[in-house]
Amino acid sequence: MVKIRLSRFGSAHNPHYRIVVTDSRNPRDGGYIENLGHYDPRKTTQEYLKVNAERAAYWLSVGAQPTQTARRLLKSQGVKVA
Protein backbone atom coordinates (compact mmCIF):
# COMPACT_ATOMS: atom_id res chain seq x y z
CA MET A 1 0.00 0.00 0.00
CA VAL A 2 1.27 3.48 -0.85
CA LYS A 3 1.21 5.97 2.04
CA ILE A 4 1.85 9.67 2.49
CA ARG A 5 3.73 10.07 5.75
CA LEU A 6 6.49 11.95 7.55
CA SER A 7 10.14 10.94 7.37
CA ARG A 8 12.41 12.42 10.01
CA PHE A 9 15.65 14.20 9.23
CA GLY A 10 17.45 16.80 11.32
CA SER A 11 19.69 16.52 14.34
CA ALA A 12 19.01 15.42 17.90
CA HIS A 13 16.49 17.68 19.66
CA ASN A 14 15.91 19.54 16.37
CA PRO A 15 13.36 17.52 14.41
CA HIS A 16 12.52 18.29 10.79
CA TYR A 17 10.34 16.10 8.63
CA ARG A 18 9.93 15.42 4.93
CA ILE A 19 6.42 14.71 3.70
CA VAL A 20 6.96 11.70 1.45
CA VAL A 21 5.11 9.13 -0.62
CA THR A 22 6.38 5.65 0.21
CA ASP A 23 5.48 1.99 0.35
CA SER A 24 4.04 1.20 3.79
CA ARG A 25 6.52 -1.67 4.21
CA ASN A 26 9.54 0.65 4.09
CA PRO A 27 11.05 1.90 7.36
CA ARG A 28 10.20 5.43 8.52
CA ASP A 29 13.44 6.95 7.24
CA GLY A 30 13.96 4.50 4.38
CA GLY A 31 13.66 5.10 0.67
CA TYR A 32 10.65 6.89 -0.73
CA ILE A 33 8.92 7.34 -4.08
CA GLU A 34 8.53 11.12 -4.02
CA ASN A 35 9.21 14.02 -1.67
CA LEU A 36 6.13 16.28 -1.40
CA GLY A 37 7.49 18.91 0.97
CA HIS A 38 8.84 19.55 4.44
CA TYR A 39 7.62 20.41 7.96
CA ASP A 40 9.39 22.00 10.93
CA PRO A 41 7.30 21.39 14.07
CA ARG A 42 9.35 23.92 16.06
CA LYS A 43 8.44 26.66 13.57
CA THR A 44 11.94 28.16 13.58
CA THR A 45 11.48 29.79 10.15
CA GLN A 46 8.64 31.62 8.46
CA GLU A 47 8.26 28.79 5.94
CA TYR A 48 7.95 25.94 8.44
CA LEU A 49 5.49 24.00 6.26
CA LYS A 50 5.79 23.65 2.49
CA VAL A 51 3.78 21.15 0.44
CA ASN A 52 3.55 20.60 -3.30
CA ALA A 53 -0.27 20.58 -3.32
CA GLU A 54 -0.57 19.54 -6.96
CA ARG A 55 1.52 16.40 -6.50
CA ALA A 56 -0.17 15.59 -3.17
CA ALA A 57 -3.58 15.78 -4.86
CA TYR A 58 -2.31 13.48 -7.62
CA TRP A 59 -1.10 10.84 -5.15
CA LEU A 60 -4.37 11.01 -3.21
CA SER A 61 -6.31 10.56 -6.48
CA VAL A 62 -4.44 7.35 -7.31
CA GLY A 63 -5.09 5.85 -3.88
CA ALA A 64 -2.27 6.88 -1.55
CA GLN A 65 -3.38 6.84 2.10
CA PRO A 66 -2.12 9.68 4.32
CA THR A 67 -1.31 9.15 7.99
CA GLN A 68 -3.24 11.24 10.53
CA THR A 69 -0.45 13.80 10.85
CA ALA A 70 0.08 14.01 7.09
CA ARG A 71 -3.68 14.41 6.61
CA ARG A 72 -3.73 17.35 9.07
CA LEU A 73 -0.79 19.05 7.36
CA LEU A 74 -2.23 18.56 3.87
CA LYS A 75 -5.61 19.97 4.94
CA SER A 76 -3.89 23.03 6.41
CA GLN A 77 -2.33 23.67 2.98
CA GLY A 78 -5.69 23.39 1.18
CA VAL A 79 -5.32 19.89 -0.27
CA LYS A 80 -8.66 18.07 -0.51
CA VAL A 81 -8.31 14.92 1.61
CA ALA A 82 -11.26 12.52 1.56
PDB file of N, CA and C in Angstrom:
ATOM      1  N   MET A   1       0.838  -1.167   0.000  1.00  0.00           N
ATOM      2  CA  MET A   1       0.000   0.000   0.000  1.00  0.00           C
ATOM      3  C   MET A   1       0.895   1.246   0.000  1.00  0.00           C
ATOM      4  N   VAL A   2       0.523   2.229  -0.777  1.00  0.00           N
ATOM      5  CA  VAL A   2       1.274   3.484  -0.848  1.00  0.00           C
ATOM      6  C   VAL A   2       0.717   4.441   0.194  1.00  0.00           C
ATOM      7  N   LYS A   3       1.623   5.059   0.973  1.00  0.00           N
ATOM      8  CA  LYS A   3       1.212   5.972   2.036  1.00  0.00           C
ATOM      9  C   LYS A   3       1.902   7.316   1.868  1.00  0.00           C
ATOM     10  N   ILE A   4       1.243   8.356   2.360  1.00  0.00           N
ATOM     11  CA  ILE A   4       1.852   9.671   2.491  1.00  0.00           C
ATOM     12  C   ILE A   4       2.111   9.839   3.971  1.00  0.00           C
ATOM     13  N   ARG A   5       3.383   9.989   4.336  1.00  0.00           N
ATOM     14  CA  ARG A   5       3.727  10.068   5.748  1.00  0.00           C
ATOM     15  C   ARG A   5       4.957  10.946   5.954  1.00  0.00           C
ATOM     16  N   LEU A   6       5.335  11.130   7.210  1.00  0.00           N
ATOM     17  CA  LEU A   6       6.487  11.951   7.550  1.00  0.00           C
ATOM     18  C   LEU A   6       7.722  11.080   7.699  1.00  0.00           C
ATOM     19  N   SER A   7       8.847  11.595   7.233  1.00  0.00           N
ATOM     20  CA  SER A   7      10.136  10.936   7.369  1.00  0.00           C
ATOM     21  C   SER A   7      11.057  11.920   8.087  1.00  0.00           C
ATOM     22  N   ARG A   8      11.621  11.501   9.195  1.00  0.00           N
ATOM     23  CA  ARG A   8      12.408  12.416  10.006  1.00  0.00           C
ATOM     24  C   ARG A   8      13.816  12.616   9.443  1.00  0.00           C
ATOM     25  N   PHE A   9      14.252  13.855   9.434  1.00  0.00           N
ATOM     26  CA  PHE A   9      15.645  14.196   9.234  1.00  0.00           C
ATOM     27  C   PHE A   9      15.920  15.349  10.185  1.00  0.00           C
ATOM     28  N   GLY A  10      17.123  15.786  10.326  1.00  0.00           N
ATOM     29  CA  GLY A  10      17.447  16.800  11.319  1.00  0.00           C
ATOM     30  C   GLY A  10      18.216  16.162  12.455  1.00  0.00           C
ATOM     31  N   SER A  11      18.811  17.001  13.277  1.00  0.00           N
ATOM     32  CA  SER A  11      19.688  16.522  14.339  1.00  0.00           C
ATOM     33  C   SER A  11      18.903  16.203  15.609  1.00  0.00           C
ATOM     34  N   ALA A  12      19.633  15.733  16.616  1.00  0.00           N
ATOM     35  CA  ALA A  12      19.014  15.418  17.900  1.00  0.00           C
ATOM     36  C   ALA A  12      18.414  16.685  18.509  1.00  0.00           C
ATOM     37  N   HIS A  13      17.222  16.585  19.037  1.00  0.00           N
ATOM     38  CA  HIS A  13      16.491  17.679  19.664  1.00  0.00           C
ATOM     39  C   HIS A  13      16.159  18.807  18.697  1.00  0.00           C
ATOM     40  N   ASN A  14      16.264  18.550  17.398  1.00  0.00           N
ATOM     41  CA  ASN A  14      15.915  19.537  16.374  1.00  0.00           C
ATOM     42  C   ASN A  14      15.229  18.812  15.212  1.00  0.00           C
ATOM     43  N   PRO A  15      14.005  18.335  15.437  1.00  0.00           N
ATOM     44  CA  PRO A  15      13.356  17.524  14.409  1.00  0.00           C
ATOM     45  C   PRO A  15      12.908  18.348  13.204  1.00  0.00           C
ATOM     46  N   HIS A  16      13.075  17.790  12.039  1.00  0.00           N
ATOM     47  CA  HIS A  16      12.523  18.287  10.788  1.00  0.00           C
ATOM     48  C   HIS A  16      11.993  17.054  10.074  1.00  0.00           C
ATOM     49  N   TYR A  17      10.952  17.236   9.302  1.00  0.00           N
ATOM     50  CA  TYR A  17      10.338  16.096   8.628  1.00  0.00           C
ATOM     51  C   TYR A  17      10.142  16.391   7.156  1.00  0.00           C
ATOM     52  N   ARG A  18      10.317  15.372   6.329  1.00  0.00           N
ATOM     53  CA  ARG A  18       9.930  15.417   4.933  1.00  0.00           C
ATOM     54  C   ARG A  18       8.549  14.782   4.832  1.00  0.00           C
ATOM     55  N   ILE A  19       7.707  15.329   3.997  1.00  0.00           N
ATOM     56  CA  ILE A  19       6.418  14.707   3.703  1.00  0.00           C
ATOM     57  C   ILE A  19       6.649  13.902   2.434  1.00  0.00           C
ATOM     58  N   VAL A  20       6.564  12.574   2.549  1.00  0.00           N
ATOM     59  CA  VAL A  20       6.964  11.704   1.450  1.00  0.00           C
ATOM     60  C   VAL A  20       5.860  10.711   1.085  1.00  0.00           C
ATOM     61  N   VAL A  21       5.956  10.221  -0.138  1.00  0.00           N
ATOM     62  CA  VAL A  21       5.115   9.129  -0.616  1.00  0.00           C
ATOM     63  C   VAL A  21       6.001   7.891  -0.609  1.00  0.00           C
ATOM     64  N   THR A  22       5.558   6.844   0.078  1.00  0.00           N
ATOM     65  CA  THR A  22       6.384   5.651   0.210  1.00  0.00           C
ATOM     66  C   THR A  22       5.522   4.406   0.311  1.00  0.00           C
ATOM     67  N   ASP A  23       6.143   3.263   0.127  1.00  0.00           N
ATOM     68  CA  ASP A  23       5.475   1.988   0.352  1.00  0.00           C
ATOM     69  C   ASP A  23       5.376   1.792   1.865  1.00  0.00           C
ATOM     70  N   SER A  24       4.257   1.332   2.338  1.00  0.00           N
ATOM     71  CA  SER A  24       4.036   1.204   3.787  1.00  0.00           C
ATOM     72  C   SER A  24       4.987   0.200   4.434  1.00  0.00           C
ATOM     73  N   ARG A  25       5.602  -0.677   3.647  1.00  0.00           N
ATOM     74  CA  ARG A  25       6.518  -1.669   4.214  1.00  0.00           C
ATOM     75  C   ARG A  25       7.918  -1.110   4.442  1.00  0.00           C
ATOM     76  N   ASN A  26       8.227   0.044   3.886  1.00  0.00           N
ATOM     77  CA  ASN A  26       9.540   0.654   4.089  1.00  0.00           C
ATOM     78  C   ASN A  26       9.656   1.225   5.497  1.00  0.00           C
ATOM     79  N   PRO A  27      10.876   1.272   6.057  1.00  0.00           N
ATOM     80  CA  PRO A  27      11.053   1.902   7.361  1.00  0.00           C
ATOM     81  C   PRO A  27      10.791   3.402   7.300  1.00  0.00           C
ATOM     82  N   ARG A  28      10.566   4.015   8.451  1.00  0.00           N
ATOM     83  CA  ARG A  28      10.200   5.428   8.522  1.00  0.00           C
ATOM     84  C   ARG A  28      11.157   6.317   7.733  1.00  0.00           C
ATOM     85  N   ASP A  29      12.453   6.103   7.900  1.00  0.00           N
ATOM     86  CA  ASP A  29      13.445   6.948   7.242  1.00  0.00           C
ATOM     87  C   ASP A  29      14.082   6.269   6.037  1.00  0.00           C
ATOM     88  N   GLY A  30      13.426   5.237   5.522  1.00  0.00           N
ATOM     89  CA  GLY A  30      13.958   4.504   4.380  1.00  0.00           C
ATOM     90  C   GLY A  30      13.692   5.231   3.077  1.00  0.00           C
ATOM     91  N   GLY A  31      13.868   4.518   1.990  1.00  0.00           N
ATOM     92  CA  GLY A  31      13.661   5.100   0.670  1.00  0.00           C
ATOM     93  C   GLY A  31      12.208   5.492   0.454  1.00  0.00           C
ATOM     94  N   TYR A  32      12.002   6.440  -0.440  1.00  0.00           N
ATOM     95  CA  TYR A  32      10.655   6.888  -0.734  1.00  0.00           C
ATOM     96  C   TYR A  32      10.488   7.089  -2.227  1.00  0.00           C
ATOM     97  N   ILE A  33       9.239   7.178  -2.669  1.00  0.00           N
ATOM     98  CA  ILE A  33       8.917   7.342  -4.078  1.00  0.00           C
ATOM     99  C   ILE A  33       9.068   8.805  -4.491  1.00  0.00           C
ATOM    100  N   GLU A  34       8.495   9.693  -3.687  1.00  0.00           N
ATOM    101  CA  GLU A  34       8.532  11.121  -4.023  1.00  0.00           C
ATOM    102  C   GLU A  34       8.484  11.960  -2.754  1.00  0.00           C
ATOM    103  N   ASN A  35       9.217  13.058  -2.762  1.00  0.00           N
ATOM    104  CA  ASN A  35       9.208  14.025  -1.670  1.00  0.00           C
ATOM    105  C   ASN A  35       8.188  15.107  -2.014  1.00  0.00           C
ATOM    106  N   LEU A  36       7.184  15.298  -1.140  1.00  0.00           N
ATOM    107  CA  LEU A  36       6.135  16.280  -1.400  1.00  0.00           C
ATOM    108  C   LEU A  36       6.373  17.614  -0.707  1.00  0.00           C
ATOM    109  N   GLY A  37       7.253  17.653   0.263  1.00  0.00           N
ATOM    110  CA  GLY A  37       7.490  18.906   0.971  1.00  0.00           C
ATOM    111  C   GLY A  37       8.216  18.668   2.278  1.00  0.00           C
ATOM    112  N   HIS A  38       8.168  19.665   3.155  1.00  0.00           N
ATOM    113  CA  HIS A  38       8.840  19.550   4.445  1.00  0.00           C
ATOM    114  C   HIS A  38       8.025  20.237   5.537  1.00  0.00           C
ATOM    115  N   TYR A  39       8.342  19.891   6.795  1.00  0.00           N
ATOM    116  CA  TYR A  39       7.624  20.408   7.960  1.00  0.00           C
ATOM    117  C   TYR A  39       8.599  20.553   9.115  1.00  0.00           C
ATOM    118  N   ASP A  40       8.582  21.725   9.742  1.00  0.00           N
ATOM    119  CA  ASP A  40       9.393  22.005  10.925  1.00  0.00           C
ATOM    120  C   ASP A  40       8.437  22.226  12.098  1.00  0.00           C
ATOM    121  N   PRO A  41       8.262  21.246  12.977  1.00  0.00           N
ATOM    122  CA  PRO A  41       7.299  21.391  14.067  1.00  0.00           C
ATOM    123  C   PRO A  41       7.674  22.472  15.082  1.00  0.00           C
ATOM    124  N   ARG A  42       8.932  22.873  15.122  1.00  0.00           N
ATOM    125  CA  ARG A  42       9.354  23.920  16.055  1.00  0.00           C
ATOM    126  C   ARG A  42       9.113  25.318  15.503  1.00  0.00           C
ATOM    127  N   LYS A  43       8.760  25.402  14.236  1.00  0.00           N
ATOM    128  CA  LYS A  43       8.435  26.663  13.570  1.00  0.00           C
ATOM    129  C   LYS A  43       9.554  27.697  13.727  1.00  0.00           C
ATOM    130  N   THR A  44      10.788  27.271  13.433  1.00  0.00           N
ATOM    131  CA  THR A  44      11.944  28.155  13.584  1.00  0.00           C
ATOM    132  C   THR A  44      12.116  29.109  12.406  1.00  0.00           C
ATOM    133  N   THR A  45      11.419  28.884  11.301  1.00  0.00           N
ATOM    134  CA  THR A  45      11.481  29.792  10.154  1.00  0.00           C
ATOM    135  C   THR A  45      10.069  30.188   9.761  1.00  0.00           C
ATOM    136  N   GLN A  46       9.971  31.195   8.913  1.00  0.00           N
ATOM    137  CA  GLN A  46       8.643  31.618   8.463  1.00  0.00           C
ATOM    138  C   GLN A  46       7.992  30.564   7.577  1.00  0.00           C
ATOM    139  N   GLU A  47       8.791  29.837   6.826  1.00  0.00           N
ATOM    140  CA  GLU A  47       8.262  28.793   5.944  1.00  0.00           C
ATOM    141  C   GLU A  47       8.470  27.426   6.598  1.00  0.00           C
ATOM    142  N   TYR A  48       7.765  27.193   7.701  1.00  0.00           N
ATOM    143  CA  TYR A  48       7.951  25.941   8.440  1.00  0.00           C
ATOM    144  C   TYR A  48       7.191  24.773   7.822  1.00  0.00           C
ATOM    145  N   LEU A  49       6.251  25.058   6.926  1.00  0.00           N
ATOM    146  CA  LEU A  49       5.494  24.001   6.257  1.00  0.00           C
ATOM    147  C   LEU A  49       5.383  24.342   4.775  1.00  0.00           C
ATOM    148  N   LYS A  50       5.877  23.448   3.938  1.00  0.00           N
ATOM    149  CA  LYS A  50       5.789  23.646   2.494  1.00  0.00           C
ATOM    150  C   LYS A  50       5.378  22.321   1.871  1.00  0.00           C
ATOM    151  N   VAL A  51       4.304  22.359   1.076  1.00  0.00           N
ATOM    152  CA  VAL A  51       3.777  21.147   0.444  1.00  0.00           C
ATOM    153  C   VAL A  51       3.506  21.438  -1.030  1.00  0.00           C
ATOM    154  N   ASN A  52       3.898  20.517  -1.896  1.00  0.00           N
ATOM    155  CA  ASN A  52       3.548  20.598  -3.304  1.00  0.00           C
ATOM    156  C   ASN A  52       2.118  20.062  -3.421  1.00  0.00           C
ATOM    157  N   ALA A  53       1.139  20.967  -3.372  1.00  0.00           N
ATOM    158  CA  ALA A  53      -0.270  20.577  -3.318  1.00  0.00           C
ATOM    159  C   ALA A  53      -0.713  19.830  -4.570  1.00  0.00           C
ATOM    160  N   GLU A  54      -0.177  20.201  -5.709  1.00  0.00           N
ATOM    161  CA  GLU A  54      -0.568  19.543  -6.959  1.00  0.00           C
ATOM    162  C   GLU A  54      -0.163  18.071  -6.955  1.00  0.00           C
ATOM    163  N   ARG A  55       1.057  17.782  -6.549  1.00  0.00           N
ATOM    164  CA  ARG A  55       1.525  16.397  -6.503  1.00  0.00           C
ATOM    165  C   ARG A  55       0.814  15.614  -5.389  1.00  0.00           C
ATOM    166  N   ALA A  56       0.550  16.262  -4.258  1.00  0.00           N
ATOM    167  CA  ALA A  56      -0.167  15.591  -3.173  1.00  0.00           C
ATOM    168  C   ALA A  56      -1.559  15.195  -3.637  1.00  0.00           C
ATOM    169  N   ALA A  57      -2.249  16.088  -4.340  1.00  0.00           N
ATOM    170  CA  ALA A  57      -3.582  15.784  -4.860  1.00  0.00           C
ATOM    171  C   ALA A  57      -3.520  14.622  -5.853  1.00  0.00           C
ATOM    172  N   TYR A  58      -2.471  14.594  -6.674  1.00  0.00           N
ATOM    173  CA  TYR A  58      -2.315  13.479  -7.617  1.00  0.00           C
ATOM    174  C   TYR A  58      -2.197  12.155  -6.867  1.00  0.00           C
ATOM    175  N   TRP A  59      -1.313  12.103  -5.873  1.00  0.00           N
ATOM    176  CA  TRP A  59      -1.104  10.842  -5.155  1.00  0.00           C
ATOM    177  C   TRP A  59      -2.366  10.413  -4.410  1.00  0.00           C
ATOM    178  N   LEU A  60      -3.109  11.357  -3.873  1.00  0.00           N
ATOM    179  CA  LEU A  60      -4.369  11.007  -3.213  1.00  0.00           C
ATOM    180  C   LEU A  60      -5.369  10.469  -4.236  1.00  0.00           C
ATOM    181  N   SER A  61      -5.355  11.014  -5.452  1.00  0.00           N
ATOM    182  CA  SER A  61      -6.310  10.564  -6.478  1.00  0.00           C
ATOM    183  C   SER A  61      -6.011   9.155  -6.973  1.00  0.00           C
ATOM    184  N   VAL A  62      -4.760   8.711  -6.866  1.00  0.00           N
ATOM    185  CA  VAL A  62      -4.438   7.353  -7.309  1.00  0.00           C
ATOM    186  C   VAL A  62      -4.430   6.356  -6.156  1.00  0.00           C
ATOM    187  N   GLY A  63      -4.870   6.791  -4.968  1.00  0.00           N
ATOM    188  CA  GLY A  63      -5.092   5.846  -3.882  1.00  0.00           C
ATOM    189  C   GLY A  63      -4.109   5.867  -2.737  1.00  0.00           C
ATOM    190  N   ALA A  64      -3.192   6.812  -2.684  1.00  0.00           N
ATOM    191  CA  ALA A  64      -2.267   6.883  -1.546  1.00  0.00           C
ATOM    192  C   ALA A  64      -3.041   7.258  -0.285  1.00  0.00           C
ATOM    193  N   GLN A  65      -2.700   6.610   0.829  1.00  0.00           N
ATOM    194  CA  GLN A  65      -3.378   6.840   2.097  1.00  0.00           C
ATOM    195  C   GLN A  65      -2.499   7.683   3.019  1.00  0.00           C
ATOM    196  N   PRO A  66      -2.939   8.878   3.416  1.00  0.00           N
ATOM    197  CA  PRO A  66      -2.123   9.684   4.325  1.00  0.00           C
ATOM    198  C   PRO A  66      -2.273   9.223   5.774  1.00  0.00           C
ATOM    199  N   THR A  67      -1.213   9.382   6.554  1.00  0.00           N
ATOM    200  CA  THR A  67      -1.310   9.147   7.991  1.00  0.00           C
ATOM    201  C   THR A  67      -2.092  10.301   8.606  1.00  0.00           C
ATOM    202  N   GLN A  68      -2.456  10.195   9.876  1.00  0.00           N
ATOM    203  CA  GLN A  68      -3.241  11.243  10.526  1.00  0.00           C
ATOM    204  C   GLN A  68      -2.511  12.585  10.524  1.00  0.00           C
ATOM    205  N   THR A  69      -1.219  12.563  10.825  1.00  0.00           N
ATOM    206  CA  THR A  69      -0.447  13.804  10.851  1.00  0.00           C
ATOM    207  C   THR A  69      -0.318  14.381   9.452  1.00  0.00           C
ATOM    208  N   ALA A  70      -0.027  13.539   8.472  1.00  0.00           N
ATOM    209  CA  ALA A  70       0.083  14.008   7.090  1.00  0.00           C
ATOM    210  C   ALA A  70      -1.249  14.571   6.612  1.00  0.00           C
ATOM    211  N   ARG A  71      -2.340  13.929   6.979  1.00  0.00           N
ATOM    212  CA  ARG A  71      -3.677  14.413   6.614  1.00  0.00           C
ATOM    213  C   ARG A  71      -3.909  15.818   7.173  1.00  0.00           C
ATOM    214  N   ARG A  72      -3.562  16.037   8.429  1.00  0.00           N
ATOM    215  CA  ARG A  72      -3.735  17.348   9.069  1.00  0.00           C
ATOM    216  C   ARG A  72      -2.904  18.414   8.360  1.00  0.00           C
ATOM    217  N   LEU A  73      -1.664  18.089   8.022  1.00  0.00           N
ATOM    218  CA  LEU A  73      -0.789  19.053   7.365  1.00  0.00           C
ATOM    219  C   LEU A  73      -1.275  19.366   5.951  1.00  0.00           C
ATOM    220  N   LEU A  74      -1.730  18.336   5.224  1.00  0.00           N
ATOM    221  CA  LEU A  74      -2.231  18.555   3.870  1.00  0.00           C
ATOM    222  C   LEU A  74      -3.489  19.420   3.887  1.00  0.00           C
ATOM    223  N   LYS A  75      -4.390  19.165   4.829  1.00  0.00           N
ATOM    224  CA  LYS A  75      -5.605  19.972   4.940  1.00  0.00           C
ATOM    225  C   LYS A  75      -5.271  21.425   5.236  1.00  0.00           C
ATOM    226  N   SER A  76      -4.260  21.655   6.065  1.00  0.00           N
ATOM    227  CA  SER A  76      -3.894  23.033   6.407  1.00  0.00           C
ATOM    228  C   SER A  76      -3.330  23.786   5.212  1.00  0.00           C
ATOM    229  N   GLN A  77      -2.867  23.058   4.201  1.00  0.00           N
ATOM    230  CA  GLN A  77      -2.333  23.673   2.985  1.00  0.00           C
ATOM    231  C   GLN A  77      -3.373  23.706   1.862  1.00  0.00           C
ATOM    232  N   GLY A  78      -4.599  23.302   2.156  1.00  0.00           N
ATOM    233  CA  GLY A  78      -5.686  23.393   1.185  1.00  0.00           C
ATOM    234  C   GLY A  78      -5.831  22.216   0.246  1.00  0.00           C
ATOM    235  N   VAL A  79      -5.190  21.091   0.566  1.00  0.00           N
ATOM    236  CA  VAL A  79      -5.323  19.891  -0.267  1.00  0.00           C
ATOM    237  C   VAL A  79      -6.579  19.160   0.162  1.00  0.00           C
ATOM    238  N   LYS A  80      -7.414  18.803  -0.806  1.00  0.00           N
ATOM    239  CA  LYS A  80      -8.657  18.066  -0.506  1.00  0.00           C
ATOM    240  C   LYS A  80      -8.313  16.631  -0.136  1.00  0.00           C
ATOM    241  N   VAL A  81      -8.571  16.275   1.129  1.00  0.00           N
ATOM    242  CA  VAL A  81      -8.315  14.920   1.613  1.00  0.00           C
ATOM    243  C   VAL A  81      -9.661  14.308   1.950  1.00  0.00           C
ATOM    244  N   ALA A  82      -9.959  13.169   1.347  1.00  0.00           N
ATOM    245  CA  ALA A  82     -11.258  12.524   1.563  1.00  0.00           C
ATOM    246  C   ALA A  82     -11.429  12.027   2.974  1.00  0.00           C
TER     247      ALA A  82
END
